[in-house]
N, C-alpha and C. Protein backbone atom coordinates (compact mmCIF):
# COMPACT_ATOMS: atom_id res chain seq x y z
N MET A 1 8.96 -28.49 -1.04
CA MET A 1 7.81 -28.17 -0.19
C MET A 1 8.21 -28.20 1.28
N ALA A 2 7.84 -27.18 2.00
CA ALA A 2 8.14 -27.11 3.42
C ALA A 2 6.89 -27.39 4.24
N ARG A 3 7.11 -27.89 5.44
CA ARG A 3 6.01 -28.07 6.38
C ARG A 3 6.05 -26.88 7.33
N ILE A 4 4.97 -26.10 7.34
CA ILE A 4 4.93 -24.82 8.05
C ILE A 4 3.75 -24.78 9.02
N ILE A 5 4.02 -24.37 10.24
CA ILE A 5 2.95 -24.10 11.20
C ILE A 5 2.81 -22.60 11.35
N VAL A 6 1.59 -22.11 11.32
CA VAL A 6 1.33 -20.70 11.56
C VAL A 6 0.48 -20.59 12.83
N LEU A 7 1.06 -20.03 13.87
CA LEU A 7 0.34 -19.80 15.11
C LEU A 7 -0.42 -18.48 14.98
N GLY A 8 -1.71 -18.53 15.28
CA GLY A 8 -2.53 -17.35 15.02
C GLY A 8 -2.92 -17.26 13.56
N GLY A 9 -3.09 -18.42 12.96
CA GLY A 9 -3.34 -18.49 11.52
C GLY A 9 -4.70 -18.02 11.07
N THR A 10 -5.59 -17.70 12.01
CA THR A 10 -6.90 -17.16 11.61
C THR A 10 -6.97 -15.65 11.78
N GLY A 11 -5.88 -15.04 12.28
CA GLY A 11 -5.83 -13.59 12.42
C GLY A 11 -5.45 -12.91 11.12
N TYR A 12 -5.30 -11.59 11.17
CA TYR A 12 -5.04 -10.83 9.95
C TYR A 12 -3.74 -11.26 9.27
N ALA A 13 -2.62 -11.10 9.95
CA ALA A 13 -1.33 -11.47 9.35
C ALA A 13 -1.26 -12.97 9.12
N GLY A 14 -1.72 -13.73 10.10
CA GLY A 14 -1.64 -15.19 10.01
C GLY A 14 -2.37 -15.76 8.83
N ARG A 15 -3.58 -15.29 8.58
CA ARG A 15 -4.34 -15.83 7.45
C ARG A 15 -3.67 -15.50 6.12
N HIS A 16 -3.10 -14.32 6.01
CA HIS A 16 -2.39 -13.98 4.77
C HIS A 16 -1.17 -14.89 4.58
N ILE A 17 -0.48 -15.18 5.67
CA ILE A 17 0.69 -16.06 5.57
C ILE A 17 0.27 -17.47 5.18
N VAL A 18 -0.80 -17.97 5.79
CA VAL A 18 -1.33 -19.28 5.42
C VAL A 18 -1.67 -19.31 3.94
N THR A 19 -2.37 -18.30 3.47
CA THR A 19 -2.80 -18.23 2.07
C THR A 19 -1.62 -18.25 1.13
N GLU A 20 -0.60 -17.42 1.42
CA GLU A 20 0.57 -17.34 0.55
C GLU A 20 1.35 -18.65 0.54
N ALA A 21 1.53 -19.25 1.72
CA ALA A 21 2.31 -20.49 1.80
C ALA A 21 1.61 -21.63 1.07
N VAL A 22 0.30 -21.73 1.22
CA VAL A 22 -0.46 -22.77 0.52
C VAL A 22 -0.37 -22.56 -0.99
N SER A 23 -0.43 -21.31 -1.43
CA SER A 23 -0.40 -21.02 -2.87
C SER A 23 0.92 -21.44 -3.51
N ARG A 24 1.96 -21.57 -2.69
CA ARG A 24 3.27 -21.99 -3.20
C ARG A 24 3.51 -23.48 -3.03
N GLY A 25 2.51 -24.19 -2.58
CA GLY A 25 2.63 -25.63 -2.51
C GLY A 25 3.16 -26.17 -1.20
N HIS A 26 3.26 -25.33 -0.17
CA HIS A 26 3.75 -25.80 1.12
C HIS A 26 2.63 -26.49 1.90
N ALA A 27 3.03 -27.37 2.79
CA ALA A 27 2.07 -28.04 3.68
C ALA A 27 1.91 -27.16 4.91
N VAL A 28 0.73 -26.61 5.10
CA VAL A 28 0.52 -25.58 6.12
C VAL A 28 -0.49 -26.04 7.16
N ILE A 29 -0.12 -25.87 8.42
CA ILE A 29 -1.03 -26.12 9.54
C ILE A 29 -1.25 -24.80 10.26
N SER A 30 -2.48 -24.38 10.35
CA SER A 30 -2.84 -23.19 11.11
C SER A 30 -3.30 -23.62 12.49
N ILE A 31 -2.72 -23.01 13.52
CA ILE A 31 -3.14 -23.29 14.89
C ILE A 31 -3.67 -22.01 15.50
N SER A 32 -4.87 -22.08 16.02
CA SER A 32 -5.47 -20.93 16.68
C SER A 32 -6.52 -21.42 17.67
N ARG A 33 -6.89 -20.54 18.56
CA ARG A 33 -7.87 -20.94 19.57
C ARG A 33 -9.28 -20.96 19.02
N SER A 34 -9.51 -20.24 17.92
CA SER A 34 -10.84 -20.20 17.31
C SER A 34 -10.83 -20.93 15.98
N ALA A 35 -11.99 -21.50 15.64
CA ALA A 35 -12.13 -22.16 14.34
C ALA A 35 -12.16 -21.07 13.27
N PRO A 36 -11.63 -21.35 12.08
CA PRO A 36 -11.61 -20.32 11.03
C PRO A 36 -13.00 -20.04 10.49
N ALA A 37 -13.31 -18.77 10.34
CA ALA A 37 -14.59 -18.38 9.75
C ALA A 37 -14.55 -18.59 8.24
N ASP A 38 -13.36 -18.45 7.66
CA ASP A 38 -13.18 -18.61 6.21
C ASP A 38 -11.88 -19.37 5.96
N PRO A 39 -11.90 -20.68 6.16
CA PRO A 39 -10.67 -21.47 6.02
C PRO A 39 -10.07 -21.37 4.62
N VAL A 40 -8.75 -21.41 4.59
CA VAL A 40 -8.02 -21.39 3.31
C VAL A 40 -7.98 -22.80 2.76
N ALA A 41 -8.46 -22.98 1.56
CA ALA A 41 -8.46 -24.29 0.94
C ALA A 41 -7.03 -24.82 0.82
N GLY A 42 -6.82 -26.04 1.27
CA GLY A 42 -5.49 -26.64 1.20
C GLY A 42 -4.72 -26.57 2.49
N ALA A 43 -5.17 -25.76 3.45
CA ALA A 43 -4.51 -25.67 4.75
C ALA A 43 -5.20 -26.61 5.73
N ALA A 44 -4.45 -27.10 6.71
CA ALA A 44 -5.01 -27.90 7.79
C ALA A 44 -5.18 -27.00 9.01
N TYR A 45 -6.21 -27.26 9.80
CA TYR A 45 -6.50 -26.40 10.96
C TYR A 45 -6.57 -27.21 12.24
N LEU A 46 -5.90 -26.68 13.25
CA LEU A 46 -5.97 -27.26 14.58
C LEU A 46 -6.37 -26.17 15.56
N GLN A 47 -7.20 -26.53 16.53
CA GLN A 47 -7.54 -25.58 17.57
C GLN A 47 -6.68 -25.86 18.80
N GLY A 48 -6.09 -24.81 19.32
CA GLY A 48 -5.22 -24.93 20.46
C GLY A 48 -4.61 -23.60 20.79
N SER A 49 -3.80 -23.57 21.83
CA SER A 49 -3.20 -22.32 22.30
C SER A 49 -1.71 -22.48 22.53
N ALA A 50 -0.97 -21.43 22.19
CA ALA A 50 0.47 -21.43 22.46
C ALA A 50 0.75 -21.34 23.96
N LEU A 51 -0.28 -21.08 24.74
CA LEU A 51 -0.11 -21.08 26.19
C LEU A 51 -0.08 -22.50 26.75
N ASP A 52 -0.48 -23.46 25.95
CA ASP A 52 -0.44 -24.88 26.34
C ASP A 52 -0.18 -25.71 25.09
N LEU A 53 1.09 -25.91 24.80
CA LEU A 53 1.47 -26.61 23.57
C LEU A 53 1.52 -28.12 23.70
N ALA A 54 1.43 -28.63 24.91
CA ALA A 54 1.55 -30.08 25.10
C ALA A 54 0.58 -30.88 24.22
N PRO A 55 -0.70 -30.50 24.14
CA PRO A 55 -1.63 -31.27 23.29
C PRO A 55 -1.31 -31.17 21.80
N LEU A 56 -0.46 -30.22 21.42
CA LEU A 56 -0.15 -29.97 20.01
C LEU A 56 1.24 -30.45 19.62
N ALA A 57 1.93 -31.10 20.56
CA ALA A 57 3.34 -31.46 20.36
C ALA A 57 3.56 -32.27 19.09
N ASP A 58 2.67 -33.19 18.79
CA ASP A 58 2.85 -34.05 17.61
C ASP A 58 2.87 -33.25 16.31
N ALA A 59 2.13 -32.13 16.29
CA ALA A 59 2.06 -31.32 15.06
C ALA A 59 3.40 -30.69 14.74
N PHE A 60 4.24 -30.48 15.75
CA PHE A 60 5.51 -29.81 15.54
C PHE A 60 6.61 -30.76 15.03
N VAL A 61 6.38 -32.05 15.13
CA VAL A 61 7.38 -33.02 14.71
C VAL A 61 7.60 -32.92 13.19
N GLY A 62 8.85 -32.74 12.78
CA GLY A 62 9.16 -32.68 11.36
C GLY A 62 8.82 -31.38 10.69
N THR A 63 8.49 -30.36 11.47
CA THR A 63 8.13 -29.06 10.90
C THR A 63 9.38 -28.28 10.51
N ASP A 64 9.37 -27.68 9.33
CA ASP A 64 10.51 -26.90 8.86
C ASP A 64 10.52 -25.48 9.42
N ALA A 65 9.34 -24.91 9.58
CA ALA A 65 9.25 -23.53 10.08
C ALA A 65 7.97 -23.34 10.87
N VAL A 66 8.08 -22.56 11.93
CA VAL A 66 6.93 -22.14 12.71
C VAL A 66 6.90 -20.62 12.67
N VAL A 67 5.75 -20.06 12.32
CA VAL A 67 5.60 -18.61 12.30
C VAL A 67 4.61 -18.21 13.38
N SER A 68 5.05 -17.36 14.28
CA SER A 68 4.16 -16.85 15.32
C SER A 68 3.56 -15.53 14.85
N ALA A 69 2.26 -15.56 14.58
CA ALA A 69 1.53 -14.36 14.20
C ALA A 69 0.51 -14.03 15.28
N LEU A 70 0.90 -14.30 16.52
CA LEU A 70 0.01 -14.08 17.66
C LEU A 70 -0.10 -12.58 17.94
N SER A 71 -1.29 -12.14 18.26
CA SER A 71 -1.51 -10.73 18.51
C SER A 71 -1.71 -10.49 20.00
N PRO A 72 -0.97 -9.54 20.58
CA PRO A 72 -1.10 -9.26 22.01
C PRO A 72 -2.31 -8.40 22.33
N ARG A 73 -3.46 -8.95 22.04
CA ARG A 73 -4.71 -8.21 22.26
C ARG A 73 -5.68 -9.08 23.05
N GLY A 74 -6.72 -8.45 23.56
CA GLY A 74 -7.73 -9.19 24.32
C GLY A 74 -7.11 -9.90 25.50
N ASP A 75 -7.50 -11.17 25.69
CA ASP A 75 -6.97 -11.90 26.85
C ASP A 75 -5.54 -12.36 26.64
N MET A 76 -4.96 -12.07 25.46
CA MET A 76 -3.54 -12.37 25.22
C MET A 76 -2.67 -11.13 25.41
N ALA A 77 -3.26 -10.02 25.77
CA ALA A 77 -2.54 -8.76 25.87
C ALA A 77 -1.33 -8.87 26.79
N ASP A 78 -1.49 -9.58 27.90
CA ASP A 78 -0.40 -9.68 28.87
C ASP A 78 0.24 -11.07 28.91
N ARG A 79 -0.09 -11.90 27.91
CA ARG A 79 0.44 -13.26 27.92
C ARG A 79 1.17 -13.64 26.63
N ALA A 80 1.33 -12.67 25.74
CA ALA A 80 1.96 -12.96 24.45
C ALA A 80 3.41 -13.39 24.62
N LEU A 81 4.12 -12.79 25.56
CA LEU A 81 5.52 -13.18 25.78
C LEU A 81 5.60 -14.58 26.37
N GLU A 82 4.67 -14.91 27.23
CA GLU A 82 4.61 -16.27 27.78
C GLU A 82 4.39 -17.28 26.66
N ALA A 83 3.49 -16.93 25.73
CA ALA A 83 3.22 -17.82 24.60
C ALA A 83 4.46 -18.00 23.74
N LEU A 84 5.17 -16.91 23.46
CA LEU A 84 6.38 -17.00 22.64
C LEU A 84 7.45 -17.81 23.35
N SER A 85 7.57 -17.64 24.65
CA SER A 85 8.53 -18.43 25.43
C SER A 85 8.23 -19.92 25.30
N ASN A 86 6.95 -20.26 25.31
CA ASN A 86 6.55 -21.67 25.16
C ASN A 86 6.96 -22.21 23.80
N VAL A 87 6.81 -21.39 22.77
CA VAL A 87 7.19 -21.81 21.42
C VAL A 87 8.69 -22.03 21.33
N VAL A 88 9.45 -21.09 21.89
CA VAL A 88 10.91 -21.22 21.90
C VAL A 88 11.31 -22.52 22.60
N GLU A 89 10.68 -22.82 23.72
CA GLU A 89 10.98 -24.05 24.45
C GLU A 89 10.61 -25.27 23.64
N GLN A 90 9.48 -25.20 22.93
CA GLN A 90 9.04 -26.32 22.11
C GLN A 90 10.04 -26.63 21.00
N LEU A 91 10.69 -25.61 20.47
CA LEU A 91 11.59 -25.79 19.33
C LEU A 91 13.04 -26.03 19.74
N ALA A 92 13.32 -25.94 21.03
CA ALA A 92 14.69 -26.13 21.51
C ALA A 92 15.22 -27.50 21.08
N GLY A 93 16.42 -27.51 20.53
CA GLY A 93 17.05 -28.76 20.12
C GLY A 93 16.58 -29.30 18.79
N THR A 94 15.77 -28.54 18.07
CA THR A 94 15.31 -28.96 16.74
C THR A 94 15.94 -28.09 15.67
N ASP A 95 15.73 -28.45 14.42
CA ASP A 95 16.23 -27.65 13.30
C ASP A 95 15.14 -26.74 12.73
N THR A 96 14.02 -26.66 13.41
CA THR A 96 12.89 -25.86 12.93
C THR A 96 13.19 -24.37 13.06
N ARG A 97 12.97 -23.62 11.98
CA ARG A 97 13.13 -22.17 12.04
C ARG A 97 11.90 -21.54 12.70
N LEU A 98 12.13 -20.45 13.40
CA LEU A 98 11.04 -19.71 14.03
C LEU A 98 10.98 -18.31 13.45
N GLY A 99 9.82 -17.95 12.91
CA GLY A 99 9.59 -16.60 12.44
C GLY A 99 8.58 -15.92 13.35
N VAL A 100 8.83 -14.68 13.70
CA VAL A 100 7.92 -13.95 14.59
C VAL A 100 7.50 -12.64 13.93
N VAL A 101 6.19 -12.44 13.87
CA VAL A 101 5.63 -11.20 13.33
C VAL A 101 5.63 -10.16 14.44
N GLY A 102 6.33 -9.06 14.22
CA GLY A 102 6.36 -7.99 15.19
C GLY A 102 5.49 -6.83 14.77
N GLY A 103 5.79 -5.66 15.29
CA GLY A 103 5.09 -4.46 14.90
C GLY A 103 6.08 -3.44 14.35
N ALA A 104 5.56 -2.33 13.88
CA ALA A 104 6.43 -1.30 13.31
C ALA A 104 7.19 -0.52 14.38
N GLY A 105 6.66 -0.51 15.60
CA GLY A 105 7.19 0.36 16.65
C GLY A 105 8.66 0.17 16.97
N GLY A 106 9.14 -1.07 16.87
CA GLY A 106 10.54 -1.34 17.19
C GLY A 106 11.50 -1.05 16.06
N SER A 107 10.98 -0.72 14.88
CA SER A 107 11.85 -0.39 13.74
C SER A 107 12.62 0.90 14.01
N LEU A 108 13.82 0.99 13.49
CA LEU A 108 14.58 2.23 13.59
C LEU A 108 14.12 3.22 12.53
N VAL A 109 14.16 4.51 12.84
CA VAL A 109 13.75 5.50 11.85
C VAL A 109 14.93 5.93 10.97
N ALA A 110 16.14 5.57 11.39
CA ALA A 110 17.36 5.85 10.63
C ALA A 110 18.42 4.87 11.09
N PRO A 111 19.44 4.62 10.29
CA PRO A 111 20.49 3.71 10.73
C PRO A 111 21.06 4.12 12.09
N GLY A 112 21.09 3.20 13.02
CA GLY A 112 21.59 3.49 14.35
C GLY A 112 20.55 4.01 15.32
N GLY A 113 19.33 4.28 14.84
CA GLY A 113 18.25 4.72 15.70
C GLY A 113 17.93 6.19 15.51
N PRO A 114 16.94 6.67 16.26
CA PRO A 114 16.15 5.99 17.29
C PRO A 114 15.06 5.11 16.70
N ARG A 115 14.27 4.51 17.59
CA ARG A 115 13.16 3.67 17.15
C ARG A 115 11.92 4.53 16.88
N LEU A 116 11.06 4.02 16.05
CA LEU A 116 9.77 4.68 15.80
C LEU A 116 9.02 4.83 17.12
N PHE A 117 9.14 3.85 18.00
CA PHE A 117 8.47 3.85 19.30
C PHE A 117 8.84 5.08 20.13
N ASP A 118 10.02 5.60 19.92
CA ASP A 118 10.52 6.73 20.70
C ASP A 118 10.26 8.08 20.04
N GLN A 119 9.49 8.08 18.97
CA GLN A 119 9.25 9.30 18.21
C GLN A 119 7.78 9.72 18.24
N GLY A 120 7.25 9.96 19.42
CA GLY A 120 5.86 10.39 19.53
C GLY A 120 4.88 9.31 19.12
N PHE A 121 5.18 8.08 19.46
CA PHE A 121 4.35 6.94 19.07
C PHE A 121 2.97 7.06 19.73
N PRO A 122 1.88 6.74 19.00
CA PRO A 122 0.53 6.87 19.56
C PRO A 122 0.36 6.05 20.85
N GLU A 123 -0.17 6.67 21.86
CA GLU A 123 -0.32 6.05 23.17
C GLU A 123 -1.13 4.77 23.11
N GLU A 124 -2.17 4.74 22.27
CA GLU A 124 -3.07 3.58 22.23
C GLU A 124 -2.41 2.34 21.65
N TYR A 125 -1.28 2.51 20.98
CA TYR A 125 -0.59 1.37 20.39
C TYR A 125 0.72 1.02 21.12
N LYS A 126 1.01 1.75 22.18
CA LYS A 126 2.29 1.55 22.85
C LYS A 126 2.43 0.18 23.50
N HIS A 127 1.35 -0.33 24.11
CA HIS A 127 1.45 -1.63 24.76
C HIS A 127 1.80 -2.72 23.75
N GLU A 128 1.08 -2.72 22.65
CA GLU A 128 1.33 -3.73 21.61
C GLU A 128 2.75 -3.60 21.05
N ALA A 129 3.19 -2.36 20.84
CA ALA A 129 4.54 -2.14 20.34
C ALA A 129 5.58 -2.62 21.34
N GLN A 130 5.33 -2.39 22.61
CA GLN A 130 6.28 -2.82 23.63
C GLN A 130 6.39 -4.33 23.67
N VAL A 131 5.28 -5.03 23.47
CA VAL A 131 5.31 -6.49 23.42
C VAL A 131 6.20 -6.94 22.27
N GLY A 132 6.10 -6.27 21.12
CA GLY A 132 6.96 -6.61 19.99
C GLY A 132 8.43 -6.38 20.31
N ILE A 133 8.73 -5.26 20.95
CA ILE A 133 10.10 -4.95 21.35
C ILE A 133 10.63 -6.00 22.32
N ASP A 134 9.79 -6.38 23.28
CA ASP A 134 10.19 -7.38 24.27
C ASP A 134 10.34 -8.76 23.64
N SER A 135 9.53 -9.03 22.62
CA SER A 135 9.61 -10.32 21.93
C SER A 135 10.95 -10.45 21.20
N LEU A 136 11.37 -9.36 20.57
CA LEU A 136 12.67 -9.37 19.89
C LEU A 136 13.80 -9.60 20.90
N ALA A 137 13.70 -8.93 22.03
CA ALA A 137 14.72 -9.11 23.07
C ALA A 137 14.75 -10.55 23.57
N LEU A 138 13.58 -11.16 23.68
CA LEU A 138 13.51 -12.56 24.10
C LEU A 138 14.23 -13.45 23.10
N LEU A 139 14.01 -13.21 21.81
CA LEU A 139 14.65 -14.02 20.78
C LEU A 139 16.17 -13.82 20.78
N GLU A 140 16.59 -12.59 20.95
CA GLU A 140 18.02 -12.29 20.94
C GLU A 140 18.75 -12.96 22.11
N ALA A 141 18.01 -13.28 23.16
CA ALA A 141 18.60 -13.91 24.34
C ALA A 141 18.57 -15.43 24.28
N THR A 142 18.01 -16.00 23.20
CA THR A 142 17.90 -17.45 23.10
C THR A 142 19.25 -18.08 22.77
N ASP A 143 19.32 -19.38 22.99
CA ASP A 143 20.50 -20.15 22.65
C ASP A 143 20.81 -20.02 21.16
N ALA A 144 22.07 -19.97 20.84
CA ALA A 144 22.50 -19.76 19.44
C ALA A 144 22.02 -20.86 18.50
N GLY A 145 21.58 -21.97 19.03
CA GLY A 145 21.11 -23.06 18.18
C GLY A 145 19.74 -22.82 17.59
N LEU A 146 19.00 -21.84 18.11
CA LEU A 146 17.67 -21.55 17.56
C LEU A 146 17.80 -20.59 16.39
N ASP A 147 17.34 -21.02 15.22
CA ASP A 147 17.38 -20.19 14.01
C ASP A 147 16.06 -19.43 13.92
N TRP A 148 16.10 -18.13 14.18
CA TRP A 148 14.88 -17.32 14.16
C TRP A 148 15.04 -16.10 13.25
N PHE A 149 13.88 -15.57 12.85
CA PHE A 149 13.85 -14.25 12.21
C PHE A 149 12.64 -13.50 12.75
N PHE A 150 12.77 -12.21 12.80
CA PHE A 150 11.73 -11.33 13.34
C PHE A 150 11.43 -10.29 12.27
N ILE A 151 10.18 -10.14 11.89
CA ILE A 151 9.84 -9.26 10.78
C ILE A 151 8.91 -8.14 11.22
N HIS A 152 9.35 -6.90 10.97
CA HIS A 152 8.55 -5.70 11.26
C HIS A 152 7.74 -5.32 10.02
N PRO A 153 6.44 -5.22 10.12
CA PRO A 153 5.68 -4.67 8.99
C PRO A 153 5.89 -3.16 8.90
N ALA A 154 5.37 -2.57 7.86
CA ALA A 154 5.43 -1.12 7.71
C ALA A 154 4.52 -0.45 8.73
N GLU A 155 4.59 0.86 8.79
CA GLU A 155 3.81 1.63 9.76
C GLU A 155 2.31 1.47 9.52
N VAL A 156 1.91 1.50 8.26
CA VAL A 156 0.50 1.29 7.91
C VAL A 156 0.34 -0.15 7.45
N PHE A 157 -0.31 -0.94 8.29
CA PHE A 157 -0.45 -2.37 8.02
C PHE A 157 -1.62 -2.90 8.84
N GLY A 158 -2.63 -3.43 8.16
CA GLY A 158 -3.78 -3.97 8.89
C GLY A 158 -5.01 -4.01 8.01
N PRO A 159 -6.10 -4.57 8.54
CA PRO A 159 -7.32 -4.73 7.74
C PRO A 159 -7.94 -3.41 7.32
N TRP A 160 -7.57 -2.32 8.00
CA TRP A 160 -8.09 -1.00 7.63
C TRP A 160 -7.38 -0.44 6.40
N ALA A 161 -6.30 -1.09 6.00
CA ALA A 161 -5.53 -0.65 4.83
C ALA A 161 -5.10 -1.89 4.05
N GLU A 162 -6.05 -2.67 3.64
CA GLU A 162 -5.80 -4.01 3.10
C GLU A 162 -4.85 -4.03 1.91
N GLY A 163 -5.14 -3.24 0.90
CA GLY A 163 -4.28 -3.23 -0.29
C GLY A 163 -4.39 -4.52 -1.08
N GLU A 164 -3.48 -4.70 -2.01
CA GLU A 164 -3.50 -5.85 -2.92
C GLU A 164 -2.15 -6.57 -2.90
N ARG A 165 -2.15 -7.75 -3.48
CA ARG A 165 -0.91 -8.50 -3.64
C ARG A 165 -0.22 -8.06 -4.91
N THR A 166 0.95 -7.49 -4.78
CA THR A 166 1.74 -7.11 -5.96
C THR A 166 2.93 -8.06 -6.15
N GLY A 167 3.31 -8.76 -5.07
CA GLY A 167 4.47 -9.63 -5.13
C GLY A 167 5.77 -8.88 -4.90
N HIS A 168 5.67 -7.59 -4.59
CA HIS A 168 6.86 -6.76 -4.41
C HIS A 168 6.89 -6.14 -3.01
N TYR A 169 8.08 -5.92 -2.53
CA TYR A 169 8.30 -5.23 -1.25
C TYR A 169 9.78 -4.90 -1.19
N ARG A 170 10.16 -4.07 -0.24
CA ARG A 170 11.57 -3.78 -0.01
C ARG A 170 11.96 -4.18 1.41
N ASP A 171 13.15 -4.70 1.56
CA ASP A 171 13.71 -5.11 2.83
C ASP A 171 14.60 -3.96 3.33
N GLY A 172 14.25 -3.40 4.50
CA GLY A 172 14.99 -2.26 4.99
C GLY A 172 16.01 -2.56 6.06
N GLY A 173 16.30 -3.84 6.28
CA GLY A 173 17.19 -4.18 7.38
C GLY A 173 16.49 -3.89 8.69
N ASP A 174 17.08 -3.07 9.56
CA ASP A 174 16.39 -2.72 10.80
C ASP A 174 15.78 -1.33 10.76
N VAL A 175 15.77 -0.70 9.57
CA VAL A 175 15.21 0.65 9.41
C VAL A 175 13.86 0.57 8.71
N ILE A 176 12.88 1.30 9.22
CA ILE A 176 11.54 1.27 8.65
C ILE A 176 11.58 1.69 7.18
N VAL A 177 10.80 1.03 6.34
CA VAL A 177 10.80 1.29 4.90
C VAL A 177 9.75 2.35 4.57
N ARG A 178 10.18 3.41 3.90
CA ARG A 178 9.27 4.46 3.45
C ARG A 178 9.44 4.67 1.95
N ASP A 179 8.35 5.10 1.31
CA ASP A 179 8.45 5.38 -0.12
C ASP A 179 8.96 6.80 -0.34
N ALA A 180 8.99 7.23 -1.59
CA ALA A 180 9.55 8.54 -1.94
C ALA A 180 8.79 9.69 -1.29
N GLU A 181 7.54 9.44 -0.93
CA GLU A 181 6.73 10.48 -0.31
C GLU A 181 6.74 10.38 1.22
N GLY A 182 7.53 9.44 1.73
CA GLY A 182 7.63 9.29 3.18
C GLY A 182 6.62 8.36 3.81
N LYS A 183 5.79 7.73 2.99
CA LYS A 183 4.77 6.83 3.52
C LYS A 183 5.35 5.45 3.77
N SER A 184 5.00 4.86 4.88
CA SER A 184 5.42 3.50 5.22
C SER A 184 4.18 2.61 5.22
N TYR A 185 4.09 1.73 4.24
CA TYR A 185 2.87 0.95 4.02
C TYR A 185 3.20 -0.38 3.37
N ILE A 186 2.43 -1.41 3.71
CA ILE A 186 2.48 -2.68 2.99
C ILE A 186 1.15 -3.39 3.15
N SER A 187 0.71 -4.05 2.11
CA SER A 187 -0.54 -4.80 2.18
C SER A 187 -0.33 -6.09 2.96
N GLY A 188 -1.43 -6.65 3.44
CA GLY A 188 -1.34 -7.91 4.15
C GLY A 188 -0.79 -9.02 3.28
N ALA A 189 -1.19 -9.03 2.01
CA ALA A 189 -0.75 -10.08 1.10
C ALA A 189 0.74 -9.98 0.81
N ASP A 190 1.26 -8.75 0.61
CA ASP A 190 2.68 -8.61 0.31
C ASP A 190 3.55 -8.80 1.54
N PHE A 191 3.01 -8.49 2.71
CA PHE A 191 3.73 -8.83 3.94
C PHE A 191 3.92 -10.34 4.01
N ALA A 192 2.87 -11.08 3.67
CA ALA A 192 2.95 -12.53 3.66
C ALA A 192 3.94 -13.04 2.63
N VAL A 193 4.04 -12.37 1.50
CA VAL A 193 5.04 -12.73 0.49
C VAL A 193 6.43 -12.65 1.10
N ALA A 194 6.69 -11.59 1.86
CA ALA A 194 8.00 -11.41 2.49
C ALA A 194 8.28 -12.52 3.51
N VAL A 195 7.28 -12.90 4.28
CA VAL A 195 7.45 -13.95 5.28
C VAL A 195 7.78 -15.28 4.61
N VAL A 196 7.02 -15.64 3.60
CA VAL A 196 7.24 -16.93 2.94
C VAL A 196 8.53 -16.91 2.14
N ASP A 197 8.88 -15.77 1.56
CA ASP A 197 10.18 -15.66 0.89
C ASP A 197 11.30 -15.96 1.87
N GLU A 198 11.20 -15.43 3.07
CA GLU A 198 12.24 -15.66 4.07
C GLU A 198 12.32 -17.13 4.46
N ILE A 199 11.18 -17.78 4.59
CA ILE A 199 11.19 -19.21 4.89
C ILE A 199 11.89 -19.99 3.77
N GLU A 200 11.61 -19.61 2.54
CA GLU A 200 12.18 -20.33 1.39
C GLU A 200 13.65 -19.98 1.14
N GLN A 201 14.02 -18.74 1.37
CA GLN A 201 15.35 -18.27 0.96
C GLN A 201 16.35 -18.19 2.11
N GLY A 202 15.87 -18.00 3.32
CA GLY A 202 16.76 -17.95 4.48
C GLY A 202 17.80 -16.83 4.42
N ASN A 203 17.35 -15.61 4.18
CA ASN A 203 18.28 -14.48 4.10
C ASN A 203 18.62 -13.88 5.46
N HIS A 204 17.80 -14.16 6.46
CA HIS A 204 17.99 -13.57 7.78
C HIS A 204 18.02 -14.68 8.84
N HIS A 205 19.13 -14.78 9.53
CA HIS A 205 19.27 -15.80 10.57
C HIS A 205 19.60 -15.12 11.90
N ARG A 206 18.73 -15.33 12.87
CA ARG A 206 18.86 -14.71 14.19
C ARG A 206 18.99 -13.20 14.07
N GLU A 207 18.11 -12.63 13.23
CA GLU A 207 18.08 -11.19 13.09
C GLU A 207 16.70 -10.74 12.64
N ARG A 208 16.48 -9.45 12.76
CA ARG A 208 15.20 -8.86 12.35
C ARG A 208 15.34 -8.16 11.02
N PHE A 209 14.21 -7.88 10.39
CA PHE A 209 14.21 -7.04 9.20
C PHE A 209 12.86 -6.39 9.04
N THR A 210 12.84 -5.30 8.31
CA THR A 210 11.62 -4.53 8.06
C THR A 210 11.20 -4.69 6.61
N VAL A 211 9.92 -4.55 6.36
CA VAL A 211 9.44 -4.63 4.98
C VAL A 211 8.42 -3.50 4.72
N GLY A 212 8.37 -3.06 3.49
CA GLY A 212 7.44 -2.03 3.06
C GLY A 212 7.67 -1.78 1.57
N TYR A 213 6.95 -0.83 1.03
CA TYR A 213 7.09 -0.53 -0.41
C TYR A 213 8.16 0.53 -0.67
């Protein structure tokens, strides 16, 4: 059993990760600024912000993995990188793994590039995608002692395309995953399966990977 903190645990990706981790018997703490409208049975909840981790420092002691599922939207639109920097600083000198949920935009469309972001990416999603790209760059610049992984969901991923838990997904390395018909999609539940699998199996160290069907 691992002790896991999920930052943004009441959001779309975060809640799925909390649910999956609890279902596997892990001790899970969800940290978010808002109280959960539908708490996951078996998870612990703390209210707080990654912009000010000092009041939450005790929760991080002895934690095996921290997953940042923070969304760069609303009043966090321009502060998500600051929040991630705070998390990196909090974990400095520890053995805690850091997982970061990114977006599809930074995924490569073919080995060696280019990125999906550079291929006529929708204007309304560019800011969020850029935050994901910058977050990966921030992680890549960290001290080698920090064990992190960065996970790109498929192109179609969100509450508007919920889908079901199948327990299956494909790992595309740094290339976006598409099915035989060219569709890039993953359900929230199966994305969470991939995240918790990575925490348990440790297949990616200081690198990113993509998931989809």
